[in-house]
């Protein structure tokens, strides 16, 4: 009888230990009970809708951009059929005033003038800095890089163009099919030439010409 009682006590202790161990194991949350991921407000801000998001090629092609510089105006027409996403990006940047008070910070005599560097603004806000980091896909096309063509500048890395653009003063067939030509100067090439002929140190202008305002206009037919 005593032997039976000992066996019963051993079984009771064993069951007690088993229950205790199970209670200490972590409980897996169901997917619906997991805490939501925190929103990255910086990323969300960079995705704020802009005027030409979702705009048709026809609407974008009807737009011209007037760069009101210290030396006069440069009017650019959009070649939206050839590079729709680069045109969209450029028009959006103009619509939010990103190019206002920026300069043509790179000049290569008889080759190009380059603008769109938002770091040259008189006042670079945090929002515009974030916007300047947004990139667009390369859209190389059949447009020849000849005098008066406007194209997106970028580093060697593909699909890395952001806000920088250049206006060709001379023909550059070596750029054909590599860079995203998206616009053409309709008027103001005399202003482009003046900017290109100003004194430079290397490729940096001694006195960079400022874009006072960049404005959207309807292209006159």
N, C-alpha and C. Protein backbone atom coordinates (compact mmCIF):
# COMPACT_ATOMS: atom_id res chain seq x y z
N UNK A 1 0.84 -1.21 0.00
CA UNK A 1 0.00 0.00 0.00
C UNK A 1 0.87 1.24 0.00
N UNK A 2 1.90 1.21 0.82
CA UNK A 2 2.82 2.35 0.89
C UNK A 2 3.50 2.57 -0.45
N UNK A 3 3.83 1.45 -1.14
CA UNK A 3 4.47 1.55 -2.46
C UNK A 3 3.56 2.24 -3.46
N UNK A 4 2.28 1.93 -3.41
CA UNK A 4 1.30 2.55 -4.31
C UNK A 4 1.20 4.05 -4.05
N UNK A 5 1.19 4.45 -2.78
CA UNK A 5 1.10 5.87 -2.43
C UNK A 5 2.31 6.65 -2.94
N UNK A 6 3.51 6.02 -2.87
CA UNK A 6 4.72 6.69 -3.38
C UNK A 6 4.61 6.93 -4.89
N UNK A 7 4.09 5.91 -5.59
CA UNK A 7 3.94 6.04 -7.05
C UNK A 7 2.96 7.18 -7.39
N UNK A 8 1.87 7.27 -6.63
CA UNK A 8 0.88 8.34 -6.86
C UNK A 8 1.52 9.70 -6.65
N UNK A 9 2.34 9.85 -5.57
CA UNK A 9 2.98 11.15 -5.30
C UNK A 9 3.94 11.53 -6.43
N UNK A 10 4.70 10.55 -6.96
CA UNK A 10 5.66 10.82 -8.05
C UNK A 10 4.91 11.31 -9.30
N UNK A 11 3.78 10.66 -9.62
CA UNK A 11 2.98 11.07 -10.79
C UNK A 11 2.46 12.48 -10.62
N UNK A 12 2.00 12.83 -9.42
CA UNK A 12 1.45 14.17 -9.17
C UNK A 12 2.51 15.25 -9.35
N UNK A 13 3.73 14.98 -8.83
CA UNK A 13 4.83 15.96 -8.96
C UNK A 13 5.21 16.14 -10.42
N UNK A 14 5.27 15.04 -11.18
CA UNK A 14 5.63 15.10 -12.60
C UNK A 14 4.64 15.94 -13.39
N UNK A 15 3.33 15.73 -13.15
CA UNK A 15 2.29 16.52 -13.83
C UNK A 15 2.40 18.00 -13.49
N UNK A 16 2.71 18.29 -12.22
CA UNK A 16 2.85 19.67 -11.78
C UNK A 16 3.98 20.36 -12.51
N UNK A 17 5.13 19.70 -12.69
CA UNK A 17 6.28 20.28 -13.40
C UNK A 17 5.96 20.50 -14.87
N UNK A 18 5.24 19.60 -15.48
CA UNK A 18 4.88 19.72 -16.89
C UNK A 18 4.02 20.95 -17.14
N UNK A 19 3.03 21.17 -16.27
CA UNK A 19 2.15 22.35 -16.40
C UNK A 19 2.94 23.62 -16.24
N UNK A 20 3.86 23.66 -15.28
CA UNK A 20 4.67 24.85 -15.02
C UNK A 20 5.54 25.21 -16.21
N UNK A 21 6.18 24.23 -16.84
CA UNK A 21 7.06 24.47 -17.99
C UNK A 21 6.27 25.03 -19.16
N UNK A 22 5.12 24.51 -19.45
CA UNK A 22 4.29 24.97 -20.56
C UNK A 22 3.88 26.42 -20.37
N UNK A 23 3.58 26.81 -19.16
CA UNK A 23 3.15 28.18 -18.89
C UNK A 23 4.25 29.18 -19.14
N UNK A 24 5.53 28.76 -19.06
CA UNK A 24 6.63 29.70 -19.23
C UNK A 24 7.03 29.89 -20.69
N UNK A 25 6.49 29.08 -21.63
CA UNK A 25 6.83 29.24 -23.03
C UNK A 25 6.18 30.50 -23.58
N UNK A 26 6.87 31.25 -24.48
CA UNK A 26 6.29 32.46 -25.06
C UNK A 26 5.06 32.15 -25.89
N UNK A 27 4.08 33.04 -25.82
CA UNK A 27 2.85 32.86 -26.59
C UNK A 27 2.97 33.61 -27.90
N UNK A 28 2.78 32.94 -29.02
CA UNK A 28 2.87 33.57 -30.34
C UNK A 28 1.60 34.40 -30.59
N UNK A 29 1.84 35.71 -30.99
CA UNK A 29 0.70 36.55 -31.31
C UNK A 29 0.14 36.18 -32.68
N UNK A 30 -1.16 36.28 -32.81
CA UNK A 30 -1.77 36.11 -34.12
C UNK A 30 -1.45 37.35 -34.95
N UNK A 31 -1.41 37.21 -36.28
CA UNK A 31 -1.09 38.37 -37.14
C UNK A 31 -1.94 39.58 -36.85
N UNK A 32 -3.22 39.39 -36.57
CA UNK A 32 -4.11 40.52 -36.33
C UNK A 32 -3.81 41.20 -35.01
N UNK A 33 -3.13 40.50 -34.09
CA UNK A 33 -2.86 41.08 -32.79
C UNK A 33 -1.50 41.77 -32.72
N UNK A 34 -0.67 41.65 -33.79
CA UNK A 34 0.64 42.26 -33.78
C UNK A 34 0.53 43.78 -33.89
N UNK A 35 1.48 44.46 -33.28
CA UNK A 35 1.46 45.92 -33.32
C UNK A 35 1.72 46.39 -34.74
N UNK A 36 1.00 47.42 -35.24
CA UNK A 36 1.24 47.93 -36.59
C UNK A 36 2.61 48.57 -36.69
N UNK A 37 3.21 48.45 -37.89
CA UNK A 37 4.52 49.07 -38.11
C UNK A 37 4.39 50.59 -38.09
N UNK A 38 5.38 51.24 -37.52
CA UNK A 38 5.35 52.69 -37.47
C UNK A 38 5.57 53.26 -38.86
N UNK A 39 4.83 54.29 -39.22
CA UNK A 39 4.95 54.93 -40.53
C UNK A 39 6.19 55.80 -40.57
N UNK A 40 6.96 55.68 -41.63
CA UNK A 40 8.12 56.54 -41.83
C UNK A 40 7.63 57.86 -42.41
N UNK A 41 7.50 58.88 -41.57
CA UNK A 41 6.93 60.14 -42.02
C UNK A 41 7.78 60.82 -43.08
N UNK A 42 9.09 60.62 -43.06
CA UNK A 42 9.95 61.23 -44.07
C UNK A 42 9.65 60.65 -45.45
N UNK A 43 9.48 59.32 -45.51
CA UNK A 43 9.17 58.69 -46.78
C UNK A 43 7.80 59.13 -47.27
N UNK A 44 6.82 59.17 -46.36
CA UNK A 44 5.48 59.57 -46.75
C UNK A 44 5.46 60.99 -47.29
N UNK A 45 6.23 61.87 -46.66
CA UNK A 45 6.26 63.26 -47.11
C UNK A 45 6.82 63.37 -48.52
N UNK A 46 7.79 62.51 -48.82
CA UNK A 46 8.42 62.56 -50.14
C UNK A 46 7.47 62.10 -51.23
N UNK A 47 6.37 61.42 -50.86
CA UNK A 47 5.44 60.89 -51.83
C UNK A 47 4.19 61.76 -51.95
N UNK A 48 4.24 62.97 -51.44
CA UNK A 48 3.10 63.86 -51.53
C UNK A 48 2.70 64.08 -52.97
N UNK A 49 1.41 64.01 -53.27
CA UNK A 49 0.93 64.18 -54.64
C UNK A 49 1.28 65.56 -55.17
N UNK A 50 1.66 65.63 -56.45
CA UNK A 50 2.02 66.88 -57.09
C UNK A 50 1.15 67.09 -58.33
N UNK A 51 1.20 68.29 -58.88
CA UNK A 51 0.24 68.72 -59.90
C UNK A 51 0.13 67.80 -61.12
N UNK A 52 1.26 67.25 -61.57
CA UNK A 52 1.23 66.49 -62.82
C UNK A 52 1.27 64.98 -62.60
N UNK A 53 1.11 64.53 -61.37
CA UNK A 53 0.99 63.10 -61.11
C UNK A 53 -0.26 62.59 -61.82
N UNK A 54 -0.10 61.60 -62.67
CA UNK A 54 -1.24 61.04 -63.38
C UNK A 54 -1.68 61.83 -64.59
N UNK A 55 -1.01 62.93 -64.91
CA UNK A 55 -1.39 63.76 -66.06
C UNK A 55 -1.12 63.00 -67.36
N UNK A 56 -1.95 63.23 -68.36
CA UNK A 56 -1.79 62.57 -69.65
C UNK A 56 -0.62 63.17 -70.41
N UNK A 57 -0.13 62.42 -71.39
CA UNK A 57 0.94 62.92 -72.24
C UNK A 57 0.50 64.19 -72.95
N UNK A 58 -0.76 64.21 -73.38
CA UNK A 58 -1.28 65.38 -74.10
C UNK A 58 -1.25 66.63 -73.22
N UNK A 59 -1.66 66.48 -71.97
CA UNK A 59 -1.66 67.64 -71.06
C UNK A 59 -0.24 68.13 -70.82
N UNK A 60 0.70 67.20 -70.61
CA UNK A 60 2.07 67.61 -70.34
C UNK A 60 2.71 68.25 -71.57
N UNK A 61 2.36 67.74 -72.76
CA UNK A 61 2.93 68.28 -74.00
C UNK A 61 2.43 69.69 -74.28
N UNK A 62 1.29 70.05 -73.69
CA UNK A 62 0.75 71.40 -73.92
C UNK A 62 1.43 72.45 -73.06
N UNK A 63 2.28 72.02 -72.14
CA UNK A 63 2.93 72.93 -71.21
C UNK A 63 4.30 73.37 -71.73
N UNK A 64 4.60 74.63 -71.50
CA UNK A 64 5.96 75.15 -71.69
C UNK A 64 6.45 75.65 -70.33
N UNK A 65 7.74 75.77 -70.21
CA UNK A 65 8.34 76.29 -68.98
C UNK A 65 9.18 77.51 -69.34
N UNK A 66 8.94 78.60 -68.62
CA UNK A 66 9.73 79.82 -68.82
C UNK A 66 10.68 80.00 -67.65
N UNK A 67 11.97 79.94 -67.95
CA UNK A 67 12.99 80.21 -66.93
C UNK A 67 13.34 81.69 -67.00
N UNK A 68 12.95 82.41 -65.97
CA UNK A 68 13.23 83.85 -65.92
C UNK A 68 14.57 84.05 -65.21
N UNK A 69 15.62 84.22 -65.99
CA UNK A 69 16.97 84.32 -65.43
C UNK A 69 17.39 85.78 -65.30
N UNK A 70 18.52 85.98 -64.67
CA UNK A 70 19.06 87.33 -64.51
C UNK A 70 19.44 87.96 -65.86
N UNK A 71 19.65 87.13 -66.88
CA UNK A 71 20.07 87.64 -68.18
C UNK A 71 18.94 87.64 -69.20
N UNK A 72 17.75 87.17 -68.81
CA UNK A 72 16.63 87.11 -69.75
C UNK A 72 15.91 85.77 -69.63
N UNK A 73 14.89 85.61 -70.46
CA UNK A 73 14.03 84.42 -70.36
C UNK A 73 14.44 83.32 -71.34
N UNK A 74 14.26 82.09 -70.88
CA UNK A 74 14.45 80.90 -71.72
C UNK A 74 13.14 80.12 -71.69
N UNK A 75 12.54 79.91 -72.84
CA UNK A 75 11.28 79.17 -72.91
C UNK A 75 11.54 77.77 -73.46
N UNK A 76 11.02 76.77 -72.74
CA UNK A 76 11.28 75.37 -73.09
C UNK A 76 9.96 74.65 -73.35
N UNK A 77 9.87 73.94 -74.47
CA UNK A 77 8.71 73.09 -74.74
C UNK A 77 9.01 71.67 -74.29
N UNK A 78 7.96 70.94 -73.92
CA UNK A 78 8.10 69.59 -73.40
C UNK A 78 7.90 68.55 -74.51
N UNK A 79 8.77 67.57 -74.57
CA UNK A 79 8.67 66.46 -75.53
C UNK A 79 8.15 65.24 -74.78
N UNK A 80 6.91 65.36 -74.34
CA UNK A 80 6.34 64.39 -73.40
C UNK A 80 6.19 62.99 -73.97
N UNK A 81 5.96 62.88 -75.27
CA UNK A 81 5.79 61.55 -75.85
C UNK A 81 7.08 60.73 -75.77
N UNK A 82 8.20 61.42 -75.80
CA UNK A 82 9.48 60.74 -75.82
C UNK A 82 10.00 60.36 -74.42
N UNK A 83 9.67 61.18 -73.43
CA UNK A 83 10.17 60.94 -72.06
C UNK A 83 9.13 61.39 -71.05
N UNK A 84 8.00 60.70 -70.98
CA UNK A 84 6.88 61.15 -70.14
C UNK A 84 7.21 61.29 -68.66
N UNK A 85 7.97 60.35 -68.09
CA UNK A 85 8.23 60.43 -66.64
C UNK A 85 9.23 61.53 -66.31
N UNK A 86 10.17 61.78 -67.20
CA UNK A 86 11.10 62.88 -66.97
C UNK A 86 10.42 64.23 -67.14
N UNK A 87 9.51 64.33 -68.10
CA UNK A 87 8.72 65.56 -68.26
C UNK A 87 7.85 65.77 -67.04
N UNK A 88 7.20 64.72 -66.58
CA UNK A 88 6.34 64.82 -65.39
C UNK A 88 7.14 65.34 -64.20
N UNK A 89 8.31 64.77 -63.99
CA UNK A 89 9.16 65.18 -62.88
C UNK A 89 9.55 66.65 -63.00
N UNK A 90 9.94 67.07 -64.20
CA UNK A 90 10.36 68.45 -64.43
C UNK A 90 9.21 69.43 -64.19
N UNK A 91 8.05 69.11 -64.73
CA UNK A 91 6.88 69.99 -64.54
C UNK A 91 6.47 70.06 -63.07
N UNK A 92 6.53 68.94 -62.39
CA UNK A 92 6.21 68.95 -60.96
C UNK A 92 7.18 69.82 -60.17
N UNK A 93 8.45 69.74 -60.50
CA UNK A 93 9.45 70.57 -59.81
C UNK A 93 9.18 72.05 -60.06
N UNK A 94 8.82 72.39 -61.30
CA UNK A 94 8.48 73.79 -61.60
C UNK A 94 7.25 74.21 -60.81
N UNK A 95 6.24 73.33 -60.76
CA UNK A 95 4.97 73.69 -60.12
C UNK A 95 5.10 73.95 -58.63
N UNK A 96 6.09 73.34 -57.97
CA UNK A 96 6.27 73.57 -56.53
C UNK A 96 7.33 74.64 -56.25
N UNK A 97 7.82 75.29 -57.31
CA UNK A 97 8.78 76.38 -57.13
C UNK A 97 10.18 75.93 -56.79
N UNK A 98 10.50 74.66 -57.09
CA UNK A 98 11.80 74.12 -56.69
C UNK A 98 12.97 74.84 -57.35
N UNK A 99 12.80 75.28 -58.61
CA UNK A 99 13.91 75.89 -59.33
C UNK A 99 14.08 77.39 -59.05
N UNK A 100 13.13 78.00 -58.37
CA UNK A 100 13.22 79.44 -58.07
C UNK A 100 14.47 79.72 -57.24
N UNK A 101 15.23 80.69 -57.65
CA UNK A 101 16.47 81.17 -57.01
C UNK A 101 17.63 80.17 -57.10
N UNK A 102 17.50 79.11 -57.91
CA UNK A 102 18.65 78.24 -58.16
C UNK A 102 19.53 78.86 -59.23
N UNK A 103 20.71 78.30 -59.45
CA UNK A 103 21.62 78.84 -60.46
C UNK A 103 22.02 77.77 -61.47
N UNK A 104 22.58 78.24 -62.58
CA UNK A 104 23.24 77.34 -63.51
C UNK A 104 24.64 77.13 -62.95
N UNK A 105 24.79 76.04 -62.24
CA UNK A 105 26.00 75.83 -61.43
C UNK A 105 27.12 75.12 -62.19
N UNK A 106 26.85 74.63 -63.37
CA UNK A 106 27.88 73.97 -64.19
C UNK A 106 27.80 74.50 -65.60
N UNK A 107 28.93 74.92 -66.14
CA UNK A 107 29.00 75.45 -67.50
C UNK A 107 30.23 74.86 -68.19
N UNK A 108 30.00 74.25 -69.35
CA UNK A 108 31.10 73.74 -70.17
C UNK A 108 31.06 74.52 -71.48
N UNK A 109 32.03 75.40 -71.72
CA UNK A 109 32.01 76.24 -72.92
C UNK A 109 31.79 75.43 -74.20
N UNK A 110 30.90 75.95 -75.04
CA UNK A 110 30.55 75.38 -76.34
C UNK A 110 29.90 74.00 -76.23
N UNK A 111 29.49 73.62 -75.02
CA UNK A 111 28.87 72.32 -74.82
C UNK A 111 27.51 72.43 -74.12
N UNK A 112 27.50 72.74 -72.81
CA UNK A 112 26.23 72.78 -72.07
C UNK A 112 26.25 73.85 -70.98
N UNK A 113 25.03 74.19 -70.55
CA UNK A 113 24.85 74.85 -69.26
C UNK A 113 23.95 73.92 -68.44
N UNK A 114 24.22 73.79 -67.16
CA UNK A 114 23.49 72.83 -66.33
C UNK A 114 22.87 73.52 -65.13
N UNK A 115 21.58 73.26 -64.92
CA UNK A 115 20.85 73.81 -63.77
C UNK A 115 20.14 72.72 -63.01
N UNK A 116 19.26 73.14 -62.10
CA UNK A 116 18.46 72.17 -61.36
C UNK A 116 19.07 71.68 -60.07
N UNK A 117 20.21 72.24 -59.68
CA UNK A 117 20.82 71.85 -58.40
C UNK A 117 20.11 72.61 -57.28
N UNK A 118 19.23 71.93 -56.57
CA UNK A 118 18.42 72.62 -55.55
C UNK A 118 19.25 73.11 -54.38
N UNK A 119 20.47 72.59 -54.24
CA UNK A 119 21.35 73.06 -53.17
C UNK A 119 21.81 74.49 -53.41
N UNK A 120 21.61 75.02 -54.62
CA UNK A 120 22.00 76.41 -54.91
C UNK A 120 20.88 77.40 -54.61
N UNK A 121 19.75 76.94 -54.14
CA UNK A 121 18.64 77.85 -53.79
C UNK A 121 19.05 78.79 -52.67
N UNK A 122 18.43 79.96 -52.66
CA UNK A 122 18.67 80.89 -51.55
C UNK A 122 18.17 80.28 -50.24
N UNK A 123 17.10 79.49 -50.32
CA UNK A 123 16.54 78.87 -49.12
C UNK A 123 16.15 77.44 -49.45
N UNK A 124 16.95 76.49 -49.01
CA UNK A 124 16.66 75.08 -49.25
C UNK A 124 15.96 74.51 -48.02
N UNK A 125 14.66 74.26 -48.15
CA UNK A 125 13.90 73.71 -47.04
C UNK A 125 14.13 72.20 -46.94
N UNK A 126 13.77 71.65 -45.80
CA UNK A 126 13.91 70.20 -45.61
C UNK A 126 13.05 69.44 -46.61
N UNK A 127 11.85 69.98 -46.88
CA UNK A 127 10.95 69.33 -47.83
C UNK A 127 11.55 69.29 -49.23
N UNK A 128 12.14 70.42 -49.66
CA UNK A 128 12.74 70.44 -50.99
C UNK A 128 14.00 69.59 -51.05
N UNK A 129 14.72 69.51 -49.94
CA UNK A 129 15.89 68.63 -49.92
C UNK A 129 15.45 67.18 -50.14
N UNK A 130 14.39 66.76 -49.44
CA UNK A 130 13.89 65.40 -49.63
C UNK A 130 13.43 65.19 -51.07
N UNK A 131 12.78 66.24 -51.60
CA UNK A 131 12.29 66.13 -53.00
C UNK A 131 13.45 65.97 -53.97
N UNK A 132 14.56 66.59 -53.68
CA UNK A 132 15.72 66.53 -54.57
C UNK A 132 16.36 65.14 -54.60
N UNK A 133 16.01 64.29 -53.65
CA UNK A 133 16.56 62.95 -53.59
C UNK A 133 15.72 61.94 -54.39
N UNK A 134 14.56 62.37 -54.85
CA UNK A 134 13.70 61.47 -55.60
C UNK A 134 14.24 61.30 -57.02
N UNK A 135 14.32 60.08 -57.48
CA UNK A 135 14.88 59.82 -58.80
C UNK A 135 13.80 59.41 -59.80
N UNK A 136 14.16 59.50 -61.08
CA UNK A 136 13.25 59.10 -62.15
C UNK A 136 13.96 58.09 -63.05
N UNK A 137 13.20 57.24 -63.72
CA UNK A 137 13.82 56.24 -64.59
C UNK A 137 14.42 56.87 -65.84
N UNK A 138 15.47 56.28 -66.35
CA UNK A 138 16.04 56.72 -67.62
C UNK A 138 15.04 56.44 -68.73
N UNK A 139 14.94 57.39 -69.66
CA UNK A 139 14.07 57.23 -70.82
C UNK A 139 14.82 57.63 -72.09
N UNK A 140 15.91 56.93 -72.42
CA UNK A 140 16.63 57.25 -73.65
C UNK A 140 15.69 57.06 -74.84
N UNK A 141 15.80 57.92 -75.83
CA UNK A 141 14.83 57.89 -76.92
C UNK A 141 15.49 58.30 -78.23
N UNK A 142 14.67 58.55 -79.25
CA UNK A 142 15.21 58.84 -80.59
C UNK A 142 15.60 60.30 -80.78
N UNK A 143 15.34 61.14 -79.79
CA UNK A 143 15.69 62.56 -79.92
C UNK A 143 17.21 62.71 -79.94
N UNK A 144 17.71 63.43 -80.91
CA UNK A 144 19.15 63.66 -81.03
C UNK A 144 19.57 64.79 -80.09
N UNK A 145 20.69 64.61 -79.45
CA UNK A 145 21.22 65.65 -78.56
C UNK A 145 21.94 66.71 -79.40
N UNK A 146 21.14 67.66 -79.86
CA UNK A 146 21.66 68.75 -80.68
C UNK A 146 21.44 70.07 -79.95
N UNK A 147 21.97 71.13 -80.51
CA UNK A 147 21.84 72.47 -79.91
C UNK A 147 20.38 72.77 -79.57
N UNK A 148 20.15 73.23 -78.34
CA UNK A 148 18.81 73.62 -77.90
C UNK A 148 18.02 72.53 -77.20
N UNK A 149 18.52 71.30 -77.22
CA UNK A 149 17.81 70.20 -76.53
C UNK A 149 18.07 70.27 -75.03
N UNK A 150 17.03 69.97 -74.27
CA UNK A 150 17.12 69.93 -72.80
C UNK A 150 17.03 68.46 -72.38
N UNK A 151 17.96 68.04 -71.54
CA UNK A 151 18.04 66.62 -71.15
C UNK A 151 18.36 66.53 -69.66
N UNK A 152 18.08 65.36 -69.10
CA UNK A 152 18.34 65.16 -67.67
C UNK A 152 19.79 64.76 -67.43
N UNK A 153 20.41 65.42 -66.45
CA UNK A 153 21.77 65.07 -66.04
C UNK A 153 21.68 64.03 -64.92
N UNK A 154 22.66 63.16 -64.89
CA UNK A 154 22.70 62.14 -63.83
C UNK A 154 24.12 61.62 -63.66
N UNK A 155 24.42 60.97 -62.53
CA UNK A 155 25.70 60.30 -62.36
C UNK A 155 25.80 59.09 -63.29
N UNK A 156 26.87 58.34 -63.18
CA UNK A 156 27.07 57.16 -64.03
C UNK A 156 26.00 56.09 -63.77
N UNK A 157 25.51 56.04 -62.54
CA UNK A 157 24.53 55.02 -62.18
C UNK A 157 23.23 55.22 -62.95
N UNK A 158 22.69 54.14 -63.51
CA UNK A 158 21.44 54.22 -64.26
C UNK A 158 20.28 54.61 -63.36
N UNK A 159 19.28 55.27 -63.95
CA UNK A 159 18.04 55.62 -63.24
C UNK A 159 18.29 56.47 -62.00
N UNK A 160 19.28 57.36 -62.06
CA UNK A 160 19.63 58.16 -60.89
C UNK A 160 19.38 59.66 -61.09
N UNK A 161 18.74 60.04 -62.21
CA UNK A 161 18.44 61.45 -62.44
C UNK A 161 17.43 61.93 -61.41
N UNK A 162 17.59 63.18 -60.95
CA UNK A 162 16.67 63.71 -59.94
C UNK A 162 16.10 65.06 -60.37
N UNK A 163 16.87 66.13 -60.19
CA UNK A 163 16.38 67.46 -60.54
C UNK A 163 17.31 68.20 -61.49
N UNK A 164 18.51 67.70 -61.68
CA UNK A 164 19.50 68.38 -62.53
C UNK A 164 19.18 68.20 -64.01
N UNK A 165 19.28 69.28 -64.76
CA UNK A 165 19.03 69.23 -66.20
C UNK A 165 20.10 70.05 -66.92
N UNK A 166 20.28 69.79 -68.21
CA UNK A 166 21.24 70.59 -68.97
C UNK A 166 20.63 71.01 -70.30
N UNK A 167 21.11 72.14 -70.80
CA UNK A 167 20.71 72.67 -72.10
C UNK A 167 21.94 72.65 -72.99
N UNK A 168 21.81 72.02 -74.14
CA UNK A 168 22.95 71.90 -75.04
C UNK A 168 23.17 73.18 -75.85
N UNK A 169 24.41 73.60 -75.89
CA UNK A 169 24.81 74.75 -76.71
C UNK A 169 25.34 74.26 -78.05
N UNK A 170 25.94 73.07 -78.04
CA UNK A 170 26.43 72.46 -79.27
C UNK A 170 25.91 71.04 -79.39
N UNK A 171 26.11 70.43 -80.55
CA UNK A 171 25.66 69.06 -80.77
C UNK A 171 26.52 68.08 -79.96
N UNK A 172 25.89 67.03 -79.44
CA UNK A 172 26.60 66.03 -78.64
C UNK A 172 26.07 64.64 -78.97
N UNK A 173 26.40 64.12 -80.15
CA UNK A 173 25.88 62.79 -80.54
C UNK A 173 26.30 61.67 -79.60
N UNK A 174 27.37 61.87 -78.84
CA UNK A 174 27.81 60.84 -77.89
C UNK A 174 26.81 60.63 -76.76
N UNK A 175 25.86 61.56 -76.59
CA UNK A 175 24.84 61.42 -75.54
C UNK A 175 23.58 60.73 -76.03
N UNK A 176 23.46 60.58 -77.34
CA UNK A 176 22.24 59.99 -77.91
C UNK A 176 22.03 58.57 -77.39
N UNK A 177 20.78 58.29 -76.99
CA UNK A 177 20.44 56.96 -76.52
C UNK A 177 20.94 56.62 -75.14
N UNK A 178 21.57 57.59 -74.47
CA UNK A 178 22.09 57.35 -73.12
C UNK A 178 21.39 58.21 -72.08
N UNK A 179 21.07 59.45 -72.45
CA UNK A 179 20.43 60.36 -71.52
C UNK A 179 19.01 60.67 -71.98
N UNK A 180 18.19 61.14 -71.05
CA UNK A 180 16.76 61.35 -71.32
C UNK A 180 16.50 62.76 -71.82
N UNK A 181 16.53 62.93 -73.13
CA UNK A 181 16.17 64.21 -73.72
C UNK A 181 14.66 64.39 -73.56
N UNK A 182 14.24 65.53 -73.01
CA UNK A 182 12.81 65.68 -72.71
C UNK A 182 12.24 67.04 -73.11
N UNK A 183 13.09 67.96 -73.57
CA UNK A 183 12.59 69.29 -73.91
C UNK A 183 13.42 69.95 -75.00
N UNK A 184 12.93 71.09 -75.47
CA UNK A 184 13.63 71.84 -76.51
C UNK A 184 13.42 73.34 -76.26
N UNK A 185 14.46 74.12 -76.41
CA UNK A 185 14.34 75.57 -76.23
C UNK A 185 13.59 76.15 -77.42
N UNK A 186 12.49 76.85 -77.13
CA UNK A 186 11.70 77.52 -78.18
C UNK A 186 12.20 78.93 -78.43
N UNK A 187 12.62 79.57 -77.36
CA UNK A 187 13.17 80.93 -77.49
C UNK A 187 14.11 81.17 -76.32
N UNK A 188 15.09 82.05 -76.55
CA UNK A 188 16.03 82.36 -75.48
C UNK A 188 17.39 81.69 -75.62
N UNK A 189 17.69 81.15 -76.81
CA UNK A 189 19.01 80.55 -76.98
C UNK A 189 20.11 81.61 -76.89
N UNK A 190 19.77 82.86 -77.15
CA UNK A 190 20.76 83.92 -76.98
C UNK A 190 21.14 84.05 -75.50
N UNK A 191 20.16 83.82 -74.61
CA UNK A 191 20.43 83.85 -73.17
C UNK A 191 21.30 82.66 -72.78
N UNK A 192 20.97 81.49 -73.34
CA UNK A 192 21.77 80.28 -73.08
C UNK A 192 23.22 80.52 -73.50
N UNK A 193 23.40 81.15 -74.65
CA UNK A 193 24.76 81.42 -75.14
C UNK A 193 25.51 82.37 -74.21
N UNK A 194 24.81 83.39 -73.71
CA UNK A 194 25.45 84.33 -72.77
C UNK A 194 25.94 83.61 -71.52
N UNK A 195 25.08 82.75 -71.00
CA UNK A 195 25.45 81.99 -69.80
C UNK A 195 26.66 81.11 -70.09
N UNK A 196 26.66 80.51 -71.27
CA UNK A 196 27.73 79.59 -71.63
C UNK A 196 29.07 80.29 -71.85
N UNK A 197 29.03 81.57 -72.22
CA UNK A 197 30.26 82.30 -72.53
C UNK A 197 30.85 83.02 -71.32
N UNK A 198 30.17 82.96 -70.18
CA UNK A 198 30.68 83.64 -68.99
C UNK A 198 31.93 82.94 -68.47
N UNK A 199 32.81 83.67 -67.77
CA UNK A 199 34.07 83.09 -67.25
C UNK A 199 33.79 81.92 -66.29
N UNK A 200 34.64 80.90 -66.39
CA UNK A 200 34.50 79.72 -65.53
C UNK A 200 35.85 79.32 -64.95
N UNK A 201 35.79 78.64 -63.82
CA UNK A 201 36.96 77.96 -63.24
C UNK A 201 36.71 76.47 -63.39
N UNK A 202 37.35 75.88 -64.37
CA UNK A 202 37.02 74.49 -64.69
C UNK A 202 35.65 74.46 -65.32
N UNK A 203 34.68 73.85 -64.61
CA UNK A 203 33.29 73.84 -65.09
C UNK A 203 32.38 74.64 -64.16
N UNK A 204 32.99 75.39 -63.25
CA UNK A 204 32.22 76.19 -62.29
C UNK A 204 32.24 77.66 -62.70
N UNK A 205 31.07 78.25 -62.94
CA UNK A 205 31.03 79.67 -63.31
C UNK A 205 31.58 80.56 -62.20
N UNK A 206 32.32 81.59 -62.59
CA UNK A 206 32.82 82.54 -61.58
C UNK A 206 31.67 83.28 -60.93
N UNK A 207 30.65 83.58 -61.72
CA UNK A 207 29.44 84.23 -61.20
C UNK A 207 28.22 83.50 -61.77
N UNK A 208 27.75 82.45 -61.08
CA UNK A 208 26.62 81.67 -61.60
C UNK A 208 25.38 82.52 -61.85
N UNK A 209 24.75 82.30 -62.99
CA UNK A 209 23.53 83.04 -63.34
C UNK A 209 22.34 82.41 -62.64
N UNK A 210 21.55 83.26 -62.02
CA UNK A 210 20.42 82.79 -61.21
C UNK A 210 19.14 82.69 -62.04
N UNK A 211 18.35 81.65 -61.76
CA UNK A 211 16.97 81.56 -62.25
C UNK A 211 16.09 82.22 -61.19
N UNK A 212 15.59 83.39 -61.48
CA UNK A 212 14.75 84.08 -60.49
C UNK A 212 13.44 83.31 -60.27
N UNK A 213 12.82 82.91 -61.37
CA UNK A 213 11.56 82.14 -61.28
C UNK A 213 11.50 81.16 -62.45
N UNK A 214 10.89 80.02 -62.19
CA UNK A 214 10.55 79.07 -63.26
C UNK A 214 9.02 78.94 -63.26
N UNK A 215 8.40 79.23 -64.41
CA UNK A 215 6.96 79.31 -64.47
C UNK A 215 6.40 78.39 -65.54
N UNK A 216 5.20 77.86 -65.27
CA UNK A 216 4.48 77.06 -66.24
C UNK A 216 3.65 77.98 -67.12
N UNK A 217 3.66 77.72 -68.43
CA UNK A 217 2.83 78.48 -69.37
C UNK A 217 2.27 77.50 -70.39
N UNK A 218 1.17 77.87 -71.01
CA UNK A 218 0.65 77.07 -72.11
C UNK A 218 1.45 77.41 -73.36
N UNK A 219 1.90 76.38 -74.07
CA UNK A 219 2.70 76.62 -75.26
C UNK A 219 1.84 77.26 -76.35
N UNK A 220 2.32 78.35 -76.90
CA UNK A 220 1.62 78.99 -78.02
C UNK A 220 1.84 78.16 -79.27
N UNK A 221 0.75 77.93 -80.01
CA UNK A 221 0.85 77.12 -81.24
C UNK A 221 1.39 77.96 -82.40
